[in-house]
Amino acid sequence: MPPRATARRRGESPRAPWGSFPLVELCILVALGLSVAGILIWGQRGQLMLAAGVALGSLVGLEVSIREHFAGYRSHTTVLAGTAGVAALAVLFFVHAPRAAMLAAGAAVFAAAFYALRIVFRRRSGGVWFRS
């Protein structure tokens, strides 16, 4: 039986949902451009450009991490669990929760997400706990 058209070869990274369009690469290029321009311009506008470049680059990296992790290609458990923990800290910061509660909740969310993401990767990778 021939392989399905959507199947990927062993060792090949997962395909993007948008096909062969180089969206990730273009976003990285824009993030680099914004970051370099922000450093060169500086001032208030430059700082905003630098922050936007760093934020866009971080989002692109997060998207690739999510795609690779849930495809069982590479484990990004710590990065994804850390993102969940930081998101919990951000929510609690904006509702003015006490710092001790923020720290406890952030650690709890990180631990729960780490455990759940580890199980998901093991199922998706065919029983492997870690693949670099």
Protein backbone atom coordinates (compact mmCIF):
# COMPACT_ATOMS: atom_id res chain seq x y z
CA MET A 1 0.00 0.00 0.00
CA PRO A 2 1.56 3.39 -0.96
CA PRO A 3 2.08 5.96 1.81
CA ARG A 4 -0.53 8.61 2.25
CA ALA A 5 0.15 12.01 0.71
CA THR A 6 0.13 13.67 4.15
CA ALA A 7 2.53 11.18 5.71
CA ARG A 8 6.06 12.34 6.35
CA ARG A 9 9.26 10.39 6.17
CA ARG A 10 11.08 9.35 9.30
CA GLY A 11 13.30 12.16 10.58
CA GLU A 12 11.43 14.82 8.59
CA SER A 13 9.92 17.73 10.50
CA PRO A 14 6.12 18.09 10.54
CA ARG A 15 4.56 20.08 7.74
CA ALA A 16 2.94 23.42 8.42
CA PRO A 17 -0.85 23.60 8.16
CA TRP A 18 -0.52 26.32 5.50
CA GLY A 19 1.47 24.11 3.15
CA SER A 20 4.70 25.11 1.45
CA PHE A 21 4.28 28.88 1.93
CA PRO A 22 7.32 30.05 3.98
CA LEU A 23 5.32 31.88 6.64
CA VAL A 24 7.65 30.98 9.52
CA GLU A 25 10.72 32.10 7.61
CA LEU A 26 9.08 35.38 6.57
CA CYS A 27 8.00 36.10 10.16
CA ILE A 28 11.56 35.45 11.36
CA LEU A 29 12.86 37.82 8.70
CA VAL A 30 10.42 40.53 9.80
CA ALA A 31 11.32 39.93 13.47
CA LEU A 32 15.03 40.26 12.69
CA GLY A 33 14.40 43.42 10.65
CA LEU A 34 12.36 44.99 13.43
CA SER A 35 14.97 44.08 16.03
CA VAL A 36 17.90 45.47 14.05
CA ALA A 37 15.99 48.63 13.15
CA GLY A 38 14.98 49.05 16.78
CA ILE A 39 18.59 48.83 17.90
CA LEU A 40 19.75 51.31 15.25
CA ILE A 41 16.95 53.85 15.76
CA TRP A 42 16.66 53.52 19.54
CA GLY A 43 14.59 56.13 21.36
CA GLN A 44 10.95 55.43 22.13
CA ARG A 45 10.12 54.27 18.59
CA GLY A 46 13.20 52.04 18.45
CA GLN A 47 12.38 50.40 21.77
CA LEU A 48 8.87 49.64 20.51
CA MET A 49 10.30 48.14 17.31
CA LEU A 50 12.77 46.03 19.29
CA ALA A 51 10.01 44.78 21.60
CA ALA A 52 7.80 43.94 18.60
CA GLY A 53 10.66 42.06 16.93
CA VAL A 54 11.40 40.03 20.05
CA ALA A 55 7.69 39.29 20.57
CA LEU A 56 7.19 38.18 16.96
CA GLY A 57 10.31 36.00 17.05
CA SER A 58 9.14 34.42 20.29
CA LEU A 59 5.70 33.67 18.85
CA VAL A 60 7.24 32.05 15.78
CA GLY A 61 9.45 29.89 17.97
CA LEU A 62 6.47 28.93 20.11
CA GLU A 63 4.45 27.94 17.03
CA VAL A 64 7.24 25.69 15.75
CA SER A 65 7.62 24.17 19.23
CA ILE A 66 3.90 23.41 19.45
CA ARG A 67 3.84 21.86 15.97
CA GLU A 68 6.90 19.68 16.55
CA HIS A 69 5.82 18.60 20.04
CA PHE A 70 2.30 17.55 19.13
CA ALA A 71 3.53 15.75 16.00
CA GLY A 72 5.89 13.66 18.14
CA TYR A 73 8.91 14.96 16.22
CA ARG A 74 10.83 16.62 19.08
CA SER A 75 10.02 17.13 22.72
CA HIS A 76 9.48 20.75 23.74
CA THR A 77 7.86 19.92 27.06
CA THR A 78 9.78 22.40 29.19
CA VAL A 79 9.31 25.32 26.81
CA LEU A 80 5.56 24.73 26.47
CA ALA A 81 5.06 24.13 30.20
CA GLY A 82 7.07 27.27 30.94
CA THR A 83 4.84 29.24 28.58
CA ALA A 84 1.76 28.01 30.43
CA GLY A 85 3.35 28.94 33.77
CA VAL A 86 4.27 32.44 32.57
CA ALA A 87 0.74 32.91 31.19
CA ALA A 88 -0.68 31.98 34.60
CA LEU A 89 1.70 34.44 36.27
CA ALA A 90 0.64 37.19 33.84
CA VAL A 91 -3.05 36.65 34.55
CA LEU A 92 -2.48 36.73 38.30
CA PHE A 93 -0.29 39.81 38.00
CA PHE A 94 -3.04 41.75 36.25
CA VAL A 95 -5.66 40.74 38.84
CA HIS A 96 -3.26 41.94 41.57
CA ALA A 97 -2.88 38.60 43.35
CA PRO A 98 -0.36 38.33 46.20
CA ARG A 99 3.15 37.40 45.08
CA ALA A 100 3.19 34.16 47.08
CA ALA A 101 -0.04 33.04 45.39
CA MET A 102 1.40 33.98 42.00
CA LEU A 103 4.51 31.91 42.60
CA ALA A 104 2.55 28.91 43.88
CA ALA A 105 0.06 29.05 41.01
CA GLY A 106 2.79 29.49 38.40
CA ALA A 107 4.71 26.49 39.76
CA ALA A 108 1.53 24.39 39.93
CA VAL A 109 0.54 25.25 36.36
CA PHE A 110 4.08 24.51 35.14
CA ALA A 111 4.12 21.12 36.90
CA ALA A 112 0.66 20.11 35.65
CA ALA A 113 1.42 21.23 32.09
CA PHE A 114 4.81 19.47 32.14
CA TYR A 115 3.20 16.20 33.21
CA ALA A 116 0.39 16.44 30.64
CA LEU A 117 2.68 17.50 27.79
CA ARG A 118 5.09 14.66 28.58
CA ILE A 119 2.26 12.15 28.28
CA VAL A 120 1.06 13.69 25.01
CA PHE A 121 4.55 13.53 23.52
CA ARG A 122 4.99 9.93 24.58
CA ARG A 123 1.75 8.95 22.85
CA ARG A 124 2.51 10.91 19.68
CA SER A 125 6.11 9.71 19.37
CA GLY A 126 5.34 6.01 19.72
CA GLY A 127 6.46 5.57 23.33
CA VAL A 128 9.60 7.69 23.36
CA TRP A 129 9.91 10.03 26.35
CA PHE A 130 12.39 12.38 24.77
CA ARG A 131 13.70 13.03 21.27
CA SER A 132 16.13 15.85 20.57
